[in-house]
Amino acid sequence: MRIELAGVSKTFSDRNKALDGITYREDFNVLAVIGPSGGGKSTLLRILGGLIAPSSGEVAFNGNKVYYDEKHLIRYRREIGFVFQAKGLFNHLTARQNIILPLVNVHGYSKTSAESVADNLLDRFGLSGGSHKFPHELSGGQQQRVAIARAVAVKPKLLLLDEPTSALDPELTNEVLDLINELRSDGLNIILVTHEMGFAKKACDKLMFIVNGRLAEWGDSEKLFTRPGTAELAGFLSKVLEWNV
C-alpha cells in the first residue's frame, strides 16, 4: 500500500500544533510510528483513520485522496480497521456480540453471516472458550484480541493500531504481537503506533519517527534501528533500548 501525506498539520484550540506540516510518501506493508509520548503519534493515526480532520494538508492512500466530509468519511471508515489503546469494547456485550453487532448494524451483514464470521475469528484467535464472556471477564490480552478480531472482521484494506499492547504484561504483550504478526503474514496492511521496539524493528518494514509534532526521520525500519541518521532518533533509541537484554 502507498501512503502520501502532504503538509499534514493539526492544531487544537487549547494547545500548540499537535502535528506540524508532515510530508511523507512511501510504500509499506507494516508501518511503525514511534517517538516520545505526546509527540503527535496518536493524533496522526486518528487523522489517517478519518476520526478527526487535519487542520491543513492532504492524505491519500494508493493515490486516492481522503476527503474529510461526513459523506465520504462514512464510506472510507468502512474500509479501515481501528484498535484503540483502551480496546473500545462494549462492556454490556459478550466477546461474540462485540464482533457481530458492527457487522450487522454498520456493514449490513445478515445475522447468520455475522455469526459465522465472528465464530471463525474467535476460533482462529484462540478465543472460542471466552466467546460468551463479557469484557470484564476476559484478560487484557483476550480483550485486545477481541478488539483486533472485531477490526479485521470486515476484511479492511488497512488496520490501524494505537499502542495495541499498552498496559499489558510481557506474556500478554507477546500474545498480541504474535497475532499482529500473523495478520502481517496474511498480507494485511498495518500502521501501528508502538513502544515495542523489537516488534517495530523485526516485523515492520517502514518506520516514522515523530517528535513534537514533526516528522524527524523515516525509512526502512531495520536500517534506522541499526544506523539512525539523526541525533534525535539515536538518543531516543538509546533510552528506550537501554535495559533490553
C-alpha atoms as a PDB file:
ATOM      1  CA  MET A   1       0.000   0.000   0.000  1.00  0.00           C
ATOM      2  CA  ARG A   2       1.167   3.538  -0.697  1.00  0.00           C
ATOM      3  CA  ILE A   3       0.642   6.377   1.750  1.00  0.00           C
ATOM      4  CA  GLU A   4       1.042  10.051   0.807  1.00  0.00           C
ATOM      5  CA  LEU A   5       0.944  12.868   3.338  1.00  0.00           C
ATOM      6  CA  ALA A   6       1.333  16.437   2.115  1.00  0.00           C
ATOM      7  CA  GLY A   7       1.858  19.124   4.757  1.00  0.00           C
ATOM      8  CA  VAL A   8      -0.448  17.491   7.310  1.00  0.00           C
ATOM      9  CA  SER A   9      -0.907  19.708  10.368  1.00  0.00           C
ATOM     10  CA  LYS A  10      -3.301  19.645  13.294  1.00  0.00           C
ATOM     11  CA  THR A  11      -3.908  22.423  15.782  1.00  0.00           C
ATOM     12  CA  PHE A  12      -6.250  22.052  18.731  1.00  0.00           C
ATOM     13  CA  SER A  13      -7.801  25.133  20.284  1.00  0.00           C
ATOM     14  CA  ASP A  14      -6.272  24.537  23.708  1.00  0.00           C
ATOM     15  CA  ARG A  15      -2.641  23.995  22.722  1.00  0.00           C
ATOM     16  CA  ASN A  16       0.042  24.380  20.088  1.00  0.00           C
ATOM     17  CA  LYS A  17       0.276  22.311  16.949  1.00  0.00           C
ATOM     18  CA  ALA A  18      -0.093  18.589  17.595  1.00  0.00           C
ATOM     19  CA  LEU A  19       1.231  17.949  14.072  1.00  0.00           C
ATOM     20  CA  ASP A  20       3.377  20.381  12.133  1.00  0.00           C
ATOM     21  CA  GLY A  21       3.485  20.026   8.360  1.00  0.00           C
ATOM     22  CA  ILE A  22       4.163  16.303   7.986  1.00  0.00           C
ATOM     23  CA  THR A  23       5.056  15.318   4.432  1.00  0.00           C
ATOM     24  CA  TYR A  24       5.718  11.646   3.748  1.00  0.00           C
ATOM     25  CA  ARG A  25       5.419   9.303   0.758  1.00  0.00           C
ATOM     26  CA  GLU A  26       6.155   5.611   0.999  1.00  0.00           C
ATOM     27  CA  ASP A  27       5.060   2.122   0.001  1.00  0.00           C
ATOM     28  CA  PHE A  28       4.618  -0.135   3.015  1.00  0.00           C
ATOM     29  CA  ASN A  29       3.215  -3.372   4.340  1.00  0.00           C
ATOM     30  CA  VAL A  30       3.596  -2.603   8.044  1.00  0.00           C
ATOM     31  CA  LEU A  31       4.469   0.946   9.085  1.00  0.00           C
ATOM     32  CA  ALA A  32       5.532   1.643  12.680  1.00  0.00           C
ATOM     33  CA  VAL A  33       5.098   5.134  14.120  1.00  0.00           C
ATOM     34  CA  ILE A  34       7.419   5.727  17.061  1.00  0.00           C
ATOM     35  CA  GLY A  35       8.574   8.670  19.150  1.00  0.00           C
ATOM     36  CA  PRO A  36       8.327  10.261  22.604  1.00  0.00           C
ATOM     37  CA  SER A  37       4.981  10.402  24.367  1.00  0.00           C
ATOM     38  CA  GLY A  38       2.875  13.428  23.492  1.00  0.00           C
ATOM     39  CA  GLY A  39       4.613  13.923  20.159  1.00  0.00           C
ATOM     40  CA  GLY A  40       1.512  13.584  17.986  1.00  0.00           C
ATOM     41  CA  LYS A  41       1.583   9.895  17.030  1.00  0.00           C
ATOM     42  CA  SER A  42      -1.980   9.101  18.092  1.00  0.00           C
ATOM     43  CA  THR A  43      -3.244  12.317  16.513  1.00  0.00           C
ATOM     44  CA  LEU A  44      -1.726  11.253  13.198  1.00  0.00           C
ATOM     45  CA  LEU A  45      -3.313   7.811  13.474  1.00  0.00           C
ATOM     46  CA  ARG A  46      -6.733   9.336  14.093  1.00  0.00           C
ATOM     47  CA  ILE A  47      -6.339  11.533  11.025  1.00  0.00           C
ATOM     48  CA  LEU A  48      -5.355   8.514   8.939  1.00  0.00           C
ATOM     49  CA  GLY A  49      -8.406   6.673  10.233  1.00  0.00           C
ATOM     50  CA  GLY A  50     -10.789   9.503   9.397  1.00  0.00           C
ATOM     51  CA  LEU A  51     -11.696  10.069  13.038  1.00  0.00           C
ATOM     52  CA  ILE A  52     -10.504  13.675  13.039  1.00  0.00           C
ATOM     53  CA  ALA A  53      -9.671  16.029  10.172  1.00  0.00           C
ATOM     54  CA  PRO A  54      -6.310  17.722   9.705  1.00  0.00           C
ATOM     55  CA  SER A  55      -6.225  21.493  10.109  1.00  0.00           C
ATOM     56  CA  SER A  56      -4.339  21.617   6.813  1.00  0.00           C
ATOM     57  CA  GLY A  57      -2.690  19.266   4.358  1.00  0.00           C
ATOM     58  CA  GLU A  58      -3.788  16.200   2.431  1.00  0.00           C
ATOM     59  CA  VAL A  59      -3.847  12.434   2.976  1.00  0.00           C
ATOM     60  CA  ALA A  60      -4.022   9.787   0.251  1.00  0.00           C
ATOM     61  CA  PHE A  61      -3.776   6.007   0.072  1.00  0.00           C
ATOM     62  CA  ASN A  62      -2.918   4.283  -3.213  1.00  0.00           C
ATOM     63  CA  GLY A  63      -3.467   7.585  -4.990  1.00  0.00           C
ATOM     64  CA  ASN A  64      -6.963   8.107  -3.546  1.00  0.00           C
ATOM     65  CA  LYS A  65      -7.292  11.322  -1.570  1.00  0.00           C
ATOM     66  CA  VAL A  66      -9.123  11.183   1.761  1.00  0.00           C
ATOM     67  CA  TYR A  67     -11.921  13.767   1.882  1.00  0.00           C
ATOM     68  CA  TYR A  68     -12.839  14.814   5.409  1.00  0.00           C
ATOM     69  CA  ASP A  69     -16.525  15.473   4.935  1.00  0.00           C
ATOM     70  CA  GLU A  70     -19.013  13.127   6.562  1.00  0.00           C
ATOM     71  CA  LYS A  71     -20.414  11.820   3.269  1.00  0.00           C
ATOM     72  CA  HIS A  72     -17.039  10.497   2.126  1.00  0.00           C
ATOM     73  CA  LEU A  73     -15.824   9.519   5.607  1.00  0.00           C
ATOM     74  CA  ILE A  74     -18.707   7.085   6.179  1.00  0.00           C
ATOM     75  CA  ARG A  75     -17.572   5.015   3.210  1.00  0.00           C
ATOM     76  CA  TYR A  76     -13.871   5.487   3.972  1.00  0.00           C
ATOM     77  CA  ARG A  77     -14.147   4.337   7.590  1.00  0.00           C
ATOM     78  CA  ARG A  78     -15.805   1.117   6.473  1.00  0.00           C
ATOM     79  CA  GLU A  79     -12.539   0.171   4.782  1.00  0.00           C
ATOM     80  CA  ILE A  80     -10.433   0.843   7.884  1.00  0.00           C
ATOM     81  CA  GLY A  81      -9.990  -1.296  10.982  1.00  0.00           C
ATOM     82  CA  PHE A  82      -9.060   0.643  14.122  1.00  0.00           C
ATOM     83  CA  VAL A  83      -7.924  -0.668  17.508  1.00  0.00           C
ATOM     84  CA  PHE A  84      -7.538   1.843  20.330  1.00  0.00           C
ATOM     85  CA  GLN A  85      -5.356   1.787  23.429  1.00  0.00           C
ATOM     86  CA  ALA A  86      -8.397   1.288  25.654  1.00  0.00           C
ATOM     87  CA  LYS A  87      -9.647  -1.543  23.429  1.00  0.00           C
ATOM     88  CA  GLY A  88     -13.042   0.157  22.943  1.00  0.00           C
ATOM     89  CA  LEU A  89     -15.178  -2.926  23.530  1.00  0.00           C
ATOM     90  CA  PHE A  90     -18.827  -2.573  24.504  1.00  0.00           C
ATOM     91  CA  ASN A  91     -18.870  -3.605  28.156  1.00  0.00           C
ATOM     92  CA  HIS A  92     -22.513  -4.753  28.054  1.00  0.00           C
ATOM     93  CA  LEU A  93     -21.897  -7.159  25.166  1.00  0.00           C
ATOM     94  CA  THR A  94     -20.114 -10.506  25.112  1.00  0.00           C
ATOM     95  CA  ALA A  95     -16.949 -11.004  23.059  1.00  0.00           C
ATOM     96  CA  ARG A  96     -19.007 -12.639  20.313  1.00  0.00           C
ATOM     97  CA  GLN A  97     -21.637  -9.877  20.346  1.00  0.00           C
ATOM     98  CA  ASN A  98     -18.905  -7.219  20.147  1.00  0.00           C
ATOM     99  CA  ILE A  99     -17.910  -8.640  16.764  1.00  0.00           C
ATOM    100  CA  ILE A 100     -21.405  -9.358  15.475  1.00  0.00           C
ATOM    101  CA  LEU A 101     -23.048  -6.006  16.266  1.00  0.00           C
ATOM    102  CA  PRO A 102     -20.937  -3.768  13.943  1.00  0.00           C
ATOM    103  CA  LEU A 103     -21.152  -6.320  11.141  1.00  0.00           C
ATOM    104  CA  VAL A 104     -24.954  -6.223  11.236  1.00  0.00           C
ATOM    105  CA  ASN A 105     -25.642  -2.595  12.157  1.00  0.00           C
ATOM    106  CA  VAL A 106     -22.839  -0.848  10.236  1.00  0.00           C
ATOM    107  CA  HIS A 107     -21.796  -3.156   7.421  1.00  0.00           C
ATOM    108  CA  GLY A 108     -25.137  -4.716   6.522  1.00  0.00           C
ATOM    109  CA  TYR A 109     -24.320  -8.355   7.182  1.00  0.00           C
ATOM    110  CA  SER A 110     -27.148 -10.752   7.877  1.00  0.00           C
ATOM    111  CA  LYS A 111     -27.194 -12.041  11.431  1.00  0.00           C
ATOM    112  CA  THR A 112     -26.314 -15.548  10.232  1.00  0.00           C
ATOM    113  CA  SER A 113     -23.334 -14.327   8.190  1.00  0.00           C
ATOM    114  CA  ALA A 114     -22.116 -12.117  11.041  1.00  0.00           C
ATOM    115  CA  GLU A 115     -22.316 -15.007  13.496  1.00  0.00           C
ATOM    116  CA  SER A 116     -20.308 -17.204  11.127  1.00  0.00           C
ATOM    117  CA  VAL A 117     -17.595 -14.542  10.725  1.00  0.00           C
ATOM    118  CA  ALA A 118     -17.436 -13.966  14.482  1.00  0.00           C
ATOM    119  CA  ASP A 119     -17.188 -17.661  15.315  1.00  0.00           C
ATOM    120  CA  ASN A 120     -14.444 -18.239  12.734  1.00  0.00           C
ATOM    121  CA  LEU A 121     -12.375 -15.332  14.067  1.00  0.00           C
ATOM    122  CA  LEU A 122     -12.859 -16.284  17.707  1.00  0.00           C
ATOM    123  CA  ASP A 123     -11.702 -19.797  16.887  1.00  0.00           C
ATOM    124  CA  ARG A 124      -8.712 -18.582  14.861  1.00  0.00           C
ATOM    125  CA  PHE A 125      -7.617 -16.157  17.588  1.00  0.00           C
ATOM    126  CA  GLY A 126      -7.938 -18.761  20.345  1.00  0.00           C
ATOM    127  CA  LEU A 127     -10.986 -17.137  21.916  1.00  0.00           C
ATOM    128  CA  SER A 128     -13.712 -19.727  21.428  1.00  0.00           C
ATOM    129  CA  GLY A 129     -13.775 -20.537  25.135  1.00  0.00           C
ATOM    130  CA  GLY A 130     -14.397 -16.896  26.007  1.00  0.00           C
ATOM    131  CA  SER A 131     -16.896 -16.040  23.275  1.00  0.00           C
ATOM    132  CA  HIS A 132     -19.802 -15.668  25.717  1.00  0.00           C
ATOM    133  CA  LYS A 133     -17.824 -13.757  28.331  1.00  0.00           C
ATOM    134  CA  PHE A 134     -18.136 -10.018  28.888  1.00  0.00           C
ATOM    135  CA  PRO A 135     -15.016  -7.816  28.607  1.00  0.00           C
ATOM    136  CA  HIS A 136     -14.521  -7.604  32.376  1.00  0.00           C
ATOM    137  CA  GLU A 137     -14.390 -11.410  32.495  1.00  0.00           C
ATOM    138  CA  LEU A 138     -11.516 -11.551  29.977  1.00  0.00           C
ATOM    139  CA  SER A 139      -7.817 -10.907  30.492  1.00  0.00           C
ATOM    140  CA  GLY A 140      -6.266  -7.798  28.982  1.00  0.00           C
ATOM    141  CA  GLY A 141      -4.709  -9.850  26.202  1.00  0.00           C
ATOM    142  CA  GLN A 142      -8.028 -11.545  25.435  1.00  0.00           C
ATOM    143  CA  GLN A 143      -9.805  -8.186  25.333  1.00  0.00           C
ATOM    144  CA  GLN A 144      -7.240  -6.848  22.877  1.00  0.00           C
ATOM    145  CA  ARG A 145      -7.552  -9.942  20.683  1.00  0.00           C
ATOM    146  CA  VAL A 146     -11.332  -9.472  20.603  1.00  0.00           C
ATOM    147  CA  ALA A 147     -10.817  -5.829  19.602  1.00  0.00           C
ATOM    148  CA  ILE A 148      -8.478  -6.893  16.794  1.00  0.00           C
ATOM    149  CA  ALA A 149     -10.917  -9.604  15.691  1.00  0.00           C
ATOM    150  CA  ARG A 150     -13.688  -7.016  15.502  1.00  0.00           C
ATOM    151  CA  ALA A 151     -11.442  -4.670  13.497  1.00  0.00           C
ATOM    152  CA  VAL A 152     -10.487  -7.285  10.899  1.00  0.00           C
ATOM    153  CA  ALA A 153     -13.932  -8.929  10.655  1.00  0.00           C
ATOM    154  CA  VAL A 154     -14.872  -6.818   7.623  1.00  0.00           C
ATOM    155  CA  LYS A 155     -11.561  -7.553   5.871  1.00  0.00           C
ATOM    156  CA  PRO A 156     -10.353  -3.935   5.907  1.00  0.00           C
ATOM    157  CA  LYS A 157      -7.861  -2.582   3.419  1.00  0.00           C
ATOM    158  CA  LEU A 158      -5.882  -1.086   6.295  1.00  0.00           C
ATOM    159  CA  LEU A 159      -5.592  -1.869  10.009  1.00  0.00           C
ATOM    160  CA  LEU A 160      -4.643   0.968  12.385  1.00  0.00           C
ATOM    161  CA  LEU A 161      -3.383   0.083  15.857  1.00  0.00           C
ATOM    162  CA  ASP A 162      -2.803   2.661  18.587  1.00  0.00           C
ATOM    163  CA  GLU A 163      -0.492   1.174  21.236  1.00  0.00           C
ATOM    164  CA  PRO A 164      -2.143  -2.263  20.991  1.00  0.00           C
ATOM    165  CA  THR A 165      -0.062  -3.654  23.880  1.00  0.00           C
ATOM    166  CA  SER A 166      -0.456  -0.700  26.221  1.00  0.00           C
ATOM    167  CA  ALA A 167      -0.747  -1.761  29.897  1.00  0.00           C
ATOM    168  CA  LEU A 168      -0.303  -5.471  29.129  1.00  0.00           C
ATOM    169  CA  ASP A 169       2.228  -7.614  30.962  1.00  0.00           C
ATOM    170  CA  PRO A 170       5.066  -9.162  28.896  1.00  0.00           C
ATOM    171  CA  GLU A 171       3.348 -12.508  28.289  1.00  0.00           C
ATOM    172  CA  LEU A 172       0.135 -10.904  27.070  1.00  0.00           C
ATOM    173  CA  THR A 173       2.125  -8.374  25.044  1.00  0.00           C
ATOM    174  CA  ASN A 174       3.832 -11.181  23.148  1.00  0.00           C
ATOM    175  CA  GLU A 175       0.473 -12.860  22.639  1.00  0.00           C
ATOM    176  CA  VAL A 176      -0.965  -9.780  20.943  1.00  0.00           C
ATOM    177  CA  LEU A 177       2.197  -9.077  18.931  1.00  0.00           C
ATOM    178  CA  ASP A 178       2.195 -12.663  17.641  1.00  0.00           C
ATOM    179  CA  LEU A 179      -1.368 -12.148  16.433  1.00  0.00           C
ATOM    180  CA  ILE A 180      -0.474  -8.880  14.679  1.00  0.00           C
ATOM    181  CA  ASN A 181       2.494 -10.593  13.053  1.00  0.00           C
ATOM    182  CA  GLU A 182       0.193 -13.356  11.823  1.00  0.00           C
ATOM    183  CA  LEU A 183      -2.059 -10.752  10.214  1.00  0.00           C
ATOM    184  CA  ARG A 184       1.013  -9.160   8.639  1.00  0.00           C
ATOM    185  CA  SER A 185       1.997 -12.528   7.183  1.00  0.00           C
ATOM    186  CA  ASP A 186      -1.501 -12.782   5.706  1.00  0.00           C
ATOM    187  CA  GLY A 187      -0.747  -9.610   3.725  1.00  0.00           C
ATOM    188  CA  LEU A 188      -2.865  -7.158   5.706  1.00  0.00           C
ATOM    189  CA  ASN A 189      -1.548  -3.577   5.534  1.00  0.00           C
ATOM    190  CA  ILE A 190      -0.964  -2.215   9.034  1.00  0.00           C
ATOM    191  CA  ILE A 191       0.027   1.114  10.583  1.00  0.00           C
ATOM    192  CA  LEU A 192       0.703   0.993  14.304  1.00  0.00           C
ATOM    193  CA  VAL A 193       1.806   3.398  16.987  1.00  0.00           C
ATOM    194  CA  THR A 194       4.017   1.392  19.313  1.00  0.00           C
ATOM    195  CA  HIS A 195       6.662   1.472  22.018  1.00  0.00           C
ATOM    196  CA  GLU A 196       7.564  -2.164  21.311  1.00  0.00           C
ATOM    197  CA  MET A 197      10.880  -1.505  19.590  1.00  0.00           C
ATOM    198  CA  GLY A 198      11.692  -5.151  18.918  1.00  0.00           C
ATOM    199  CA  PHE A 199       8.451  -5.580  17.013  1.00  0.00           C
ATOM    200  CA  ALA A 200       8.961  -2.296  15.146  1.00  0.00           C
ATOM    201  CA  LYS A 201      12.410  -3.447  14.035  1.00  0.00           C
ATOM    202  CA  LYS A 202      11.664  -7.056  13.130  1.00  0.00           C
ATOM    203  CA  ALA A 203       8.050  -7.078  11.917  1.00  0.00           C
ATOM    204  CA  CYS A 204       7.643  -3.604  10.391  1.00  0.00           C
ATOM    205  CA  ASP A 205       9.204  -2.796   7.044  1.00  0.00           C
ATOM    206  CA  LYS A 206       8.894   1.003   7.391  1.00  0.00           C
ATOM    207  CA  LEU A 207       9.309   3.460  10.237  1.00  0.00           C
ATOM    208  CA  MET A 208       8.239   7.018  11.045  1.00  0.00           C
ATOM    209  CA  PHE A 209       9.878   8.852  13.951  1.00  0.00           C
ATOM    210  CA  ILE A 210       7.752  11.761  15.186  1.00  0.00           C
ATOM    211  CA  VAL A 211       8.947  14.347  17.697  1.00  0.00           C
ATOM    212  CA  ASN A 212       6.972  17.402  18.857  1.00  0.00           C
ATOM    213  CA  GLY A 213       4.520  17.052  16.002  1.00  0.00           C
ATOM    214  CA  ARG A 214       7.080  16.879  13.221  1.00  0.00           C
ATOM    215  CA  LEU A 215       8.478  14.002  11.195  1.00  0.00           C
ATOM    216  CA  ALA A 216      12.116  13.853  12.295  1.00  0.00           C
ATOM    217  CA  GLU A 217      13.210  10.717  10.429  1.00  0.00           C
ATOM    218  CA  TRP A 218      11.763   7.950   8.304  1.00  0.00           C
ATOM    219  CA  GLY A 219      12.774   4.998   6.141  1.00  0.00           C
ATOM    220  CA  ASP A 220      13.420   1.246   6.303  1.00  0.00           C
ATOM    221  CA  SER A 221      12.856   0.090   9.853  1.00  0.00           C
ATOM    222  CA  GLU A 222      15.822  -2.234  10.332  1.00  0.00           C
ATOM    223  CA  LYS A 223      18.203   0.284   8.757  1.00  0.00           C
ATOM    224  CA  LEU A 224      17.069   3.102  11.043  1.00  0.00           C
ATOM    225  CA  PHE A 225      17.429   0.938  14.122  1.00  0.00           C
ATOM    226  CA  THR A 226      20.927  -0.076  13.046  1.00  0.00           C
ATOM    227  CA  ARG A 227      22.104   3.275  11.716  1.00  0.00           C
ATOM    228  CA  PRO A 228      19.871   6.176  12.822  1.00  0.00           C
ATOM    229  CA  GLY A 229      20.509   9.244  10.713  1.00  0.00           C
ATOM    230  CA  THR A 230      19.738  11.897  13.314  1.00  0.00           C
ATOM    231  CA  ALA A 231      20.915  12.561  16.847  1.00  0.00           C
ATOM    232  CA  GLU A 232      17.260  12.710  17.915  1.00  0.00           C
ATOM    233  CA  LEU A 233      16.495   9.162  16.822  1.00  0.00           C
ATOM    234  CA  ALA A 234      19.817   7.856  18.147  1.00  0.00           C
ATOM    235  CA  GLY A 235      19.101   9.431  21.528  1.00  0.00           C
ATOM    236  CA  PHE A 236      15.543   8.128  21.618  1.00  0.00           C
ATOM    237  CA  LEU A 237      16.609   4.570  20.779  1.00  0.00           C
ATOM    238  CA  SER A 238      19.416   4.622  23.332  1.00  0.00           C
ATOM    239  CA  LYS A 239      16.886   5.483  26.039  1.00  0.00           C
ATOM    240  CA  VAL A 240      14.141   3.005  25.107  1.00  0.00           C
ATOM    241  CA  LEU A 241      16.596   0.190  24.462  1.00  0.00           C
ATOM    242  CA  GLU A 242      18.842   0.849  27.470  1.00  0.00           C
ATOM    243  CA  TRP A 243      17.538  -2.025  29.584  1.00  0.00           C
ATOM    244  CA  ASN A 244      16.904  -4.509  26.763  1.00  0.00           C
ATOM    245  CA  VAL A 245      18.828  -7.755  27.005  1.00  0.00           C
END
